[in-house]
N, C-alpha and C. Protein backbone atom coordinates (compact mmCIF):
# COMPACT_ATOMS: atom_id res chain seq x y z
N MET A 1 -12.54 7.95 0.72
CA MET A 1 -11.45 7.64 -0.07
C MET A 1 -12.21 6.67 -0.79
N ASN A 2 -12.42 6.66 -2.49
CA ASN A 2 -13.14 5.98 -3.14
C ASN A 2 -12.24 4.89 -3.86
N ASP A 3 -10.92 5.38 -4.16
CA ASP A 3 -9.76 4.97 -4.91
C ASP A 3 -9.46 3.03 -4.10
N GLU A 4 -10.37 2.41 -3.69
CA GLU A 4 -9.97 1.04 -3.40
C GLU A 4 -10.86 0.08 -3.68
N ASN A 5 -10.33 -1.06 -4.10
CA ASN A 5 -11.10 -2.07 -4.86
C ASN A 5 -12.02 -2.61 -3.65
N PRO A 6 -13.04 -2.52 -3.84
CA PRO A 6 -14.49 -3.09 -2.53
C PRO A 6 -14.09 -4.56 -2.41
N THR A 7 -13.54 -5.52 -3.09
CA THR A 7 -13.39 -6.58 -2.96
C THR A 7 -12.38 -7.22 -1.84
N THR A 8 -11.16 -6.11 -1.47
CA THR A 8 -10.42 -6.46 -0.63
C THR A 8 -10.69 -6.34 0.65
N ALA A 9 -10.35 -7.23 1.45
CA ALA A 9 -10.78 -7.36 2.91
C ALA A 9 -9.31 -7.11 3.87
N LEU A 10 -8.81 -6.35 3.78
CA LEU A 10 -7.37 -5.96 4.33
C LEU A 10 -8.07 -4.98 5.45
N LEU A 11 -7.48 -4.78 6.46
CA LEU A 11 -7.48 -3.77 7.68
C LEU A 11 -6.69 -2.51 7.37
N ARG A 12 -7.51 -1.76 7.43
CA ARG A 12 -7.69 -0.20 7.06
C ARG A 12 -7.51 0.91 8.18
N GLU A 13 -6.69 1.49 8.27
CA GLU A 13 -6.43 2.75 9.25
C GLU A 13 -6.27 3.90 8.15
N ARG A 14 -6.84 4.97 8.48
CA ARG A 14 -6.85 6.17 8.03
C ARG A 14 -6.02 7.27 9.21
N GLY A 15 -4.96 7.43 8.29
CA GLY A 15 -4.08 8.70 8.94
C GLY A 15 -3.24 8.28 10.39
N LYS A 16 -3.16 7.15 10.86
CA LYS A 16 -2.23 6.87 11.72
C LYS A 16 -2.29 5.33 11.89
N THR A 17 -1.08 4.64 12.55
CA THR A 17 -0.43 3.62 12.21
C THR A 17 -0.48 3.15 14.04
N PRO A 18 -1.50 2.49 14.49
CA PRO A 18 -1.52 2.17 16.10
C PRO A 18 0.12 1.06 16.02
N GLU A 19 0.60 1.63 17.65
CA GLU A 19 1.78 0.52 17.79
C GLU A 19 1.44 -1.00 17.84
N LYS A 20 0.27 -1.86 17.96
CA LYS A 20 -0.22 -2.73 17.81
C LYS A 20 0.15 -3.57 16.43
N PHE A 21 -0.13 -2.89 15.78
CA PHE A 21 -0.17 -3.20 14.42
C PHE A 21 1.38 -3.24 13.45
N GLU A 22 2.51 -2.74 14.13
CA GLU A 22 3.73 -2.42 13.85
C GLU A 22 4.26 -3.72 13.17
N HIS A 23 3.78 -5.04 13.53
CA HIS A 23 4.57 -5.89 12.98
C HIS A 23 3.53 -6.46 11.46
N LEU A 24 2.75 -5.83 11.48
CA LEU A 24 2.17 -5.79 9.85
C LEU A 24 3.12 -5.17 8.81
N CYS A 25 2.71 -5.81 7.42
CA CYS A 25 3.50 -4.96 6.40
C CYS A 25 1.99 -4.12 5.98
N ARG A 26 2.80 -2.83 5.46
CA ARG A 26 1.77 -1.99 5.12
C ARG A 26 1.82 -1.32 3.64
N MET A 27 0.66 -0.84 3.16
CA MET A 27 0.59 0.15 1.83
C MET A 27 0.14 1.26 2.37
N GLU A 28 0.86 2.30 1.55
CA GLU A 28 0.20 3.82 2.06
C GLU A 28 0.16 4.55 0.85
N VAL A 29 -1.63 4.74 0.69
CA VAL A 29 -1.70 5.41 -0.59
C VAL A 29 -2.13 7.10 -0.61
N MET A 30 -1.02 7.71 -1.37
CA MET A 30 -1.27 9.15 -1.42
C MET A 30 -2.56 9.73 -1.75
N GLY A 31 -3.58 10.46 -1.48
CA GLY A 31 -4.61 10.79 -1.76
C GLY A 31 -5.24 12.09 -1.37
N ARG A 32 -5.96 12.72 -2.13
CA ARG A 32 -6.37 13.96 -1.71
C ARG A 32 -6.93 14.60 -0.29
N GLU A 33 -7.67 13.41 0.35
CA GLU A 33 -7.72 13.76 1.80
C GLU A 33 -6.81 12.99 2.67
N GLY A 34 -5.49 12.74 2.39
CA GLY A 34 -4.38 12.37 2.99
C GLY A 34 -4.09 11.24 2.85
N ASP A 35 -3.47 10.47 3.33
CA ASP A 35 -2.81 9.09 3.03
C ASP A 35 -3.87 8.00 3.66
N THR A 36 -4.36 6.86 2.99
CA THR A 36 -4.64 5.34 3.39
C THR A 36 -4.11 4.33 3.69
N LYS A 37 -3.67 4.03 4.72
CA LYS A 37 -3.04 2.82 4.99
C LYS A 37 -3.67 1.31 5.18
N TYR A 38 -3.13 0.25 4.06
CA TYR A 38 -3.66 -1.06 3.99
C TYR A 38 -2.85 -1.76 4.66
N MET A 39 -2.75 -2.67 5.92
CA MET A 39 -1.95 -3.57 6.28
C MET A 39 -2.60 -5.03 6.35
N TRP A 40 -1.56 -5.67 6.06
CA TRP A 40 -1.59 -7.24 6.01
C TRP A 40 -0.63 -7.83 6.81
N ASP A 41 -0.78 -9.06 7.46
CA ASP A 41 -0.02 -10.15 8.15
C ASP A 41 0.65 -11.06 6.77
N PRO A 42 1.84 -11.30 6.78
CA PRO A 42 2.60 -12.08 5.54
C PRO A 42 2.35 -13.26 5.91
N ASN A 43 1.84 -13.88 6.73
CA ASN A 43 1.84 -15.15 7.33
C ASN A 43 0.31 -15.62 7.36
N ILE A 44 -0.71 -14.67 7.04
CA ILE A 44 -1.90 -15.40 6.68
C ILE A 44 -2.31 -15.02 5.34
N ALA A 45 -2.28 -16.18 4.46
CA ALA A 45 -2.83 -16.06 2.92
C ALA A 45 -3.72 -15.67 2.61
N ASP A 46 -4.86 -15.58 3.29
CA ASP A 46 -5.99 -14.25 2.68
C ASP A 46 -5.80 -12.85 2.83
N GLU A 47 -5.31 -12.68 3.78
CA GLU A 47 -4.37 -11.36 3.90
C GLU A 47 -3.66 -10.99 2.65
N VAL A 48 -2.68 -11.69 2.37
CA VAL A 48 -1.83 -11.55 1.50
C VAL A 48 -2.74 -11.49 -0.07
N GLU A 49 -3.34 -12.39 -0.14
CA GLU A 49 -3.84 -12.35 -1.56
C GLU A 49 -4.73 -10.87 -1.49
N ALA A 50 -5.49 -10.84 -0.54
CA ALA A 50 -6.10 -9.47 -0.69
C ALA A 50 -4.96 -7.97 -0.75
N ALA A 51 -3.81 -8.14 -0.30
CA ALA A 51 -2.98 -7.08 -0.31
C ALA A 51 -2.53 -7.34 -1.76
N LYS A 52 -1.94 -8.06 -2.26
CA LYS A 52 -1.95 -8.33 -4.07
C LYS A 52 -3.01 -7.52 -4.85
N LYS A 53 -3.97 -8.25 -4.66
CA LYS A 53 -5.17 -7.66 -5.52
C LYS A 53 -5.47 -5.64 -5.25
N GLN A 54 -4.88 -5.34 -3.99
CA GLN A 54 -5.07 -4.16 -3.82
C GLN A 54 -3.62 -3.69 -4.76
N PHE A 55 -2.59 -3.92 -4.40
CA PHE A 55 -1.48 -3.60 -5.18
C PHE A 55 -1.27 -3.73 -6.68
N ASP A 56 -2.11 -4.66 -7.17
CA ASP A 56 -2.36 -4.55 -8.65
C ASP A 56 -3.46 -3.64 -9.20
N TYR A 57 -4.73 -3.37 -8.22
CA TYR A 57 -5.56 -2.36 -8.40
C TYR A 57 -4.91 -0.98 -8.51
N PHE A 58 -4.21 -0.65 -7.71
CA PHE A 58 -3.36 0.54 -7.76
C PHE A 58 -2.61 0.94 -8.88
N THR A 59 -1.32 -0.35 -9.14
CA THR A 59 -0.21 -0.14 -10.15
C THR A 59 -0.91 -0.38 -11.36
N LYS A 60 -1.94 -1.12 -11.75
CA LYS A 60 -2.34 -1.32 -12.97
C LYS A 60 -3.46 -0.55 -13.29
N GLU A 61 -4.75 -0.70 -12.56
CA GLU A 61 -6.06 0.08 -12.88
C GLU A 61 -5.92 1.74 -12.65
N LYS A 62 -5.38 1.94 -11.66
CA LYS A 62 -5.17 3.31 -11.01
C LYS A 62 -3.58 3.98 -11.75
N LYS A 63 -2.71 3.35 -12.20
CA LYS A 63 -1.76 3.65 -12.42
C LYS A 63 -0.47 4.24 -11.58
N TYR A 64 -1.01 4.08 -10.50
CA TYR A 64 0.03 4.68 -9.16
C TYR A 64 1.74 3.79 -9.43
N ALA A 65 2.40 4.76 -9.04
CA ALA A 65 3.82 4.46 -9.09
C ALA A 65 3.78 3.91 -7.43
N ALA A 66 4.68 2.60 -7.10
CA ALA A 66 5.10 2.08 -5.91
C ALA A 66 6.16 2.19 -5.52
N PHE A 67 6.59 2.49 -4.78
CA PHE A 67 8.12 2.56 -3.85
C PHE A 67 8.48 1.70 -2.58
N GLN A 68 9.17 1.10 -2.36
CA GLN A 68 9.56 0.30 -1.03
C GLN A 68 10.06 1.53 -0.10
N VAL A 69 9.43 1.45 0.96
CA VAL A 69 10.66 2.34 1.84
C VAL A 69 11.17 1.54 3.10
N ASP A 70 12.39 1.86 3.35
CA ASP A 70 13.35 1.19 4.51
C ASP A 70 12.66 1.63 5.73
N ASP A 71 13.20 1.07 6.82
CA ASP A 71 13.00 1.25 7.97
C ASP A 71 13.12 2.65 8.79
N ASN A 72 13.42 3.35 8.21
CA ASN A 72 13.56 4.93 8.47
C ASN A 72 12.58 5.77 8.03
N GLY A 73 12.03 5.12 6.95
CA GLY A 73 10.84 5.78 6.34
C GLY A 73 11.07 6.53 5.04
N ASN A 74 12.28 6.33 4.83
CA ASN A 74 12.84 6.70 3.23
C ASN A 74 12.60 6.08 2.32
N LYS A 75 12.46 6.63 0.99
CA LYS A 75 12.23 5.71 -0.44
C LYS A 75 13.77 5.05 -0.38
N THR A 76 13.51 3.88 -0.95
CA THR A 76 14.51 3.23 -1.42
C THR A 76 14.97 3.45 -2.91
N GLY A 77 14.44 4.29 -3.40
CA GLY A 77 14.85 4.61 -5.18
C GLY A 77 14.18 3.69 -5.96
N ASN A 78 13.74 2.37 -5.42
CA ASN A 78 13.34 1.33 -6.62
C ASN A 78 11.90 1.51 -6.53
N GLN A 79 11.83 1.71 -7.83
CA GLN A 79 9.98 1.52 -7.69
C GLN A 79 9.67 -0.35 -7.79
N VAL A 80 8.51 -0.25 -7.43
CA VAL A 80 8.28 -1.51 -7.26
C VAL A 80 6.97 -1.95 -8.16
N ARG A 81 7.68 -3.06 -9.03
CA ARG A 81 6.84 -3.48 -10.30
C ARG A 81 5.70 -4.79 -9.92
N GLU A 82 6.17 -5.53 -9.05
CA GLU A 82 5.59 -6.69 -8.29
C GLU A 82 5.37 -6.79 -7.12
N PHE A 83 4.37 -7.41 -6.50
CA PHE A 83 3.84 -7.49 -5.16
C PHE A 83 4.80 -8.63 -4.48
N ASN A 84 5.20 -8.03 -3.18
CA ASN A 84 6.28 -8.63 -2.49
C ASN A 84 5.62 -8.80 -0.91
N PRO A 85 4.95 -10.09 -0.53
CA PRO A 85 4.22 -9.88 0.57
C PRO A 85 4.56 -9.50 1.64
N LYS A 86 6.31 -9.74 2.15
CA LYS A 86 6.86 -9.19 3.09
C LYS A 86 7.79 -7.82 2.76
N ALA A 87 7.28 -7.12 1.90
CA ALA A 87 8.27 -5.84 1.66
C ALA A 87 7.95 -4.76 2.55
N GLY A 88 7.22 -5.24 3.68
CA GLY A 88 7.55 -4.13 5.07
C GLY A 88 6.32 -2.92 4.70
N ARG A 89 6.89 -2.13 4.07
CA ARG A 89 5.92 -0.78 3.93
C ARG A 89 6.56 -0.35 2.28
N ILE A 90 5.28 0.01 1.69
CA ILE A 90 5.45 0.33 0.16
C ILE A 90 4.10 1.66 0.26
N ILE A 91 4.64 2.62 -0.54
CA ILE A 91 4.37 3.93 -0.65
C ILE A 91 4.01 4.06 -2.15
N PHE A 92 2.14 4.35 -2.38
CA PHE A 92 1.50 4.79 -3.85
C PHE A 92 1.60 6.16 -4.17
N VAL A 93 2.23 6.36 -5.14
CA VAL A 93 2.12 7.97 -5.69
C VAL A 93 0.99 8.09 -6.63
N PRO A 94 0.52 8.68 -6.94
CA PRO A 94 -0.86 8.87 -7.81
C PRO A 94 0.18 9.70 -8.88
N PRO A 95 -0.39 9.13 -10.41
CA PRO A 95 0.00 9.70 -11.65
C PRO A 95 -0.19 11.34 -11.32
N ILE A 96 0.87 11.93 -12.04
CA ILE A 96 0.69 13.29 -12.28
C ILE A 96 -0.02 13.89 -13.30
N ALA A 97 -0.89 14.64 -13.54
CA ALA A 97 -1.27 14.91 -13.97
C ALA A 97 -1.07 16.24 -15.08
N GLY A 98 -0.59 16.33 -16.38
CA GLY A 98 0.19 17.16 -16.96
C GLY A 98 -0.86 18.43 -17.68
N GLY A 99 -0.45 19.38 -17.61
CA GLY A 99 -1.35 20.67 -18.22
C GLY A 99 -0.81 21.75 -18.68
């Protein structure tokens, strides 16, 4: 998937989230080839900075909509417009192409 900012240093897993990473916050980006997950530890400044850059890249440059997800995997209904390093889980939805 080429929809990522190459300057970020986030731990990335494609298609699955191993249990050993459950304590990490994560962003999930919907794409043609499936979801891509970006994970970071909210207590490590470099990872938080990289996650913010990734968030800004998808919401500003790629125009994706970001939604926070609750502990049960349900969208909260609230679109996320600013990065929160302790958000837990954020899902990015690509823009809908009209036609």
